[in-house]
Amino acid sequence: MSSNDRPVAVTAAEVAPRKTPSNYPEPFASRMAGRTKRALGAVFGLANFGVNLTELAPGAMSSLRHAHTRQDEFVYVLQGCPVLRTNDGDTPLAPGMCAGFRAGSGDAHQLFNPTDQPVLYLEIGDRSEGDAVSYPDDDLRAKLAEGGWVFVHKDGRPY
């Protein structure tokens, strides 16, 4: 342990998975079955950006297809062959490949695992105040508030 009661280094695969598999409200949360996230940045108390080690079981997806207004995102594939779905269509990925999503671009994206082998990747995103997320394929919008993400229907009704 370091002097601030946080570890200096950890084995990423040994970090406990997030207790809540998804922040989405139902009926969307259950669609994240087969996704496991290990919040690596939280182990070190990182406040400006998050780092997750994410595993997708066969048939699982990373998230609903989405676009952030203020958060940049980056993914780096460690194992397996996920497919990246964006506004331009599907792009097969392989270990060693990476992709980035610029805040405000409107390019909605998600990863999914169409294979019979697990996928493992790092995802990195900043924690910009006032971020909002659009989900073009689903009746959902989100806004980052003081207490976390607030989800509403596209017409503004709460979940």
Protein backbone atom coordinates (compact mmCIF):
# COMPACT_ATOMS: atom_id res chain seq x y z
CA MET A 1 0.00 0.00 0.00
CA SER A 2 1.08 3.53 -0.63
CA SER A 3 1.02 6.24 2.01
CA ASN A 4 -2.54 7.23 1.02
CA ASP A 5 -3.96 3.71 1.68
CA ARG A 6 -4.23 3.01 -2.02
CA PRO A 7 -2.15 0.35 -3.75
CA VAL A 8 0.83 1.34 -5.85
CA ALA A 9 0.11 -1.42 -8.38
CA VAL A 10 -2.40 -4.27 -8.82
CA THR A 11 -3.03 -7.23 -11.08
CA ALA A 12 -5.92 -5.97 -13.21
CA ALA A 13 -7.71 -9.33 -13.48
CA GLU A 14 -7.77 -9.57 -9.66
CA VAL A 15 -9.68 -6.31 -9.16
CA ALA A 16 -13.23 -7.16 -8.07
CA PRO A 17 -15.90 -6.65 -10.75
CA ARG A 18 -18.31 -3.75 -10.35
CA LYS A 19 -21.12 -4.68 -7.96
CA THR A 20 -23.77 -3.17 -10.22
CA PRO A 21 -23.46 -4.70 -13.69
CA SER A 22 -25.18 -1.71 -15.33
CA ASN A 23 -26.40 1.79 -14.48
CA TYR A 24 -29.11 1.58 -17.15
CA PRO A 25 -32.73 1.34 -16.02
CA GLU A 26 -34.75 -1.67 -17.11
CA PRO A 27 -35.49 -2.86 -19.72
CA PHE A 28 -31.94 -1.93 -20.77
CA ALA A 29 -29.88 -3.16 -17.79
CA SER A 30 -30.67 -6.82 -18.43
CA ARG A 31 -29.35 -6.45 -21.99
CA MET A 32 -25.87 -6.02 -20.44
CA ALA A 33 -25.83 -9.65 -19.24
CA GLY A 34 -22.46 -11.20 -19.98
CA ARG A 35 -20.52 -7.95 -19.52
CA THR A 36 -18.10 -7.68 -16.58
CA LYS A 37 -16.31 -4.43 -15.73
CA ARG A 38 -13.38 -4.03 -13.36
CA ALA A 39 -12.96 -0.35 -12.43
CA LEU A 40 -9.17 -0.12 -12.48
CA GLY A 41 -8.97 3.67 -12.16
CA ALA A 42 -11.12 3.62 -9.02
CA VAL A 43 -8.57 1.37 -7.27
CA PHE A 44 -6.08 4.25 -7.44
CA GLY A 45 -8.61 6.99 -6.69
CA LEU A 46 -8.39 8.50 -10.18
CA ALA A 47 -10.86 11.37 -10.45
CA ASN A 48 -10.33 12.92 -13.91
CA PHE A 49 -10.76 9.80 -16.00
CA GLY A 50 -11.92 6.20 -15.65
CA VAL A 51 -10.25 3.00 -16.80
CA ASN A 52 -12.16 -0.27 -16.97
CA LEU A 53 -11.00 -3.77 -17.81
CA THR A 54 -14.10 -5.11 -19.53
CA GLU A 55 -14.93 -8.65 -20.51
CA LEU A 56 -17.68 -9.60 -22.93
CA ALA A 57 -18.89 -13.18 -22.85
CA PRO A 58 -19.97 -14.70 -26.19
CA GLY A 59 -23.05 -12.82 -27.39
CA ALA A 60 -22.61 -9.91 -24.94
CA MET A 61 -22.38 -6.18 -25.71
CA SER A 62 -20.41 -3.35 -24.13
CA SER A 63 -23.29 -0.89 -23.90
CA LEU A 64 -26.25 0.38 -25.81
CA ARG A 65 -25.04 2.21 -28.93
CA HIS A 66 -24.39 5.73 -27.65
CA ALA A 67 -22.64 9.07 -28.18
CA HIS A 68 -21.34 11.46 -25.50
CA THR A 69 -21.51 15.24 -25.75
CA ARG A 70 -18.47 15.93 -23.54
CA GLN A 71 -16.68 12.65 -22.83
CA ASP A 72 -13.90 11.32 -25.01
CA GLU A 73 -13.69 7.52 -25.02
CA PHE A 74 -10.97 5.08 -26.06
CA VAL A 75 -10.89 1.27 -26.25
CA TYR A 76 -7.95 -1.10 -26.69
CA VAL A 77 -8.62 -4.78 -27.46
CA LEU A 78 -6.52 -7.22 -25.44
CA GLN A 79 -8.14 -10.56 -26.31
CA GLY A 80 -10.82 -11.83 -28.67
CA CYS A 81 -12.46 -10.39 -31.75
CA PRO A 82 -15.28 -7.95 -30.97
CA VAL A 83 -17.17 -5.97 -33.57
CA LEU A 84 -17.35 -2.19 -33.29
CA ARG A 85 -20.70 -0.78 -34.42
CA THR A 86 -20.75 2.95 -35.28
CA ASN A 87 -22.86 5.24 -37.44
CA ASP A 88 -20.79 4.01 -40.40
CA GLY A 89 -21.56 0.32 -39.79
CA ASP A 90 -19.66 -2.63 -38.35
CA THR A 91 -15.87 -2.96 -38.08
CA PRO A 92 -14.27 -6.23 -36.91
CA LEU A 93 -11.55 -5.70 -34.29
CA ALA A 94 -8.73 -7.96 -33.09
CA PRO A 95 -6.17 -7.94 -30.25
CA GLY A 96 -3.88 -4.92 -30.48
CA MET A 97 -6.47 -2.77 -32.26
CA CYS A 98 -7.89 0.37 -30.70
CA ALA A 99 -10.63 2.90 -31.39
CA GLY A 100 -11.41 6.36 -30.10
CA PHE A 101 -14.58 8.42 -29.91
CA ARG A 102 -14.31 12.20 -29.75
CA ALA A 103 -16.80 14.02 -27.53
CA GLY A 104 -19.55 15.79 -29.43
CA SER A 105 -18.95 13.91 -32.70
CA GLY A 106 -22.38 12.29 -32.60
CA ASP A 107 -20.83 8.98 -33.72
CA ALA A 108 -22.82 6.49 -31.67
CA HIS A 109 -20.82 3.36 -30.91
CA GLN A 110 -20.78 0.03 -29.09
CA LEU A 111 -18.80 -3.20 -29.07
CA PHE A 112 -20.37 -6.63 -29.24
CA ASN A 113 -19.01 -10.14 -29.18
CA PRO A 114 -20.43 -12.34 -31.97
CA THR A 115 -17.86 -15.09 -31.34
CA ASP A 116 -17.78 -18.16 -29.08
CA GLN A 117 -14.70 -16.84 -27.20
CA PRO A 118 -14.52 -14.12 -24.52
CA VAL A 119 -13.42 -10.60 -25.44
CA LEU A 120 -11.24 -8.54 -23.11
CA TYR A 121 -10.50 -4.84 -23.60
CA LEU A 122 -9.56 -1.65 -21.80
CA GLU A 123 -11.95 1.28 -21.95
CA ILE A 124 -10.88 4.76 -20.95
CA GLY A 125 -13.06 7.83 -20.66
CA ASP A 126 -12.88 11.22 -19.03
CA ARG A 127 -15.38 12.48 -16.48
CA SER A 128 -16.43 15.79 -17.97
CA GLU A 129 -19.03 17.78 -16.06
CA GLY A 130 -22.29 18.33 -17.89
CA ASP A 131 -21.88 15.27 -20.12
CA ALA A 132 -25.00 13.94 -21.79
CA VAL A 133 -25.52 10.78 -23.80
CA SER A 134 -27.80 10.00 -26.71
CA TYR A 135 -28.91 6.47 -27.63
CA PRO A 136 -30.14 6.51 -31.23
CA ASP A 137 -31.43 2.92 -31.22
CA ASP A 138 -33.30 3.08 -27.89
CA ASP A 139 -35.83 5.27 -26.06
CA LEU A 140 -33.21 6.61 -23.70
CA ARG A 141 -31.19 9.72 -22.87
CA ALA A 142 -28.78 10.31 -20.00
CA LYS A 143 -27.20 13.27 -18.25
CA LEU A 144 -24.37 13.24 -15.73
CA ALA A 145 -25.60 14.91 -12.54
CA GLU A 146 -24.13 15.44 -9.08
CA GLY A 147 -25.20 11.99 -7.87
CA GLY A 148 -24.42 10.08 -11.07
CA TRP A 149 -26.24 9.33 -14.30
CA VAL A 150 -29.91 10.33 -14.68
CA PHE A 151 -31.82 8.40 -17.34
CA VAL A 152 -34.99 9.59 -19.06
CA HIS A 153 -37.08 8.64 -22.07
CA LYS A 154 -36.39 10.64 -25.24
CA ASP A 155 -39.50 12.73 -24.48
CA GLY A 156 -38.07 13.62 -21.02
CA ARG A 157 -40.19 11.28 -18.85
CA PRO A 158 -38.13 9.67 -16.07
CA TYR A 159 -37.56 5.94 -15.81
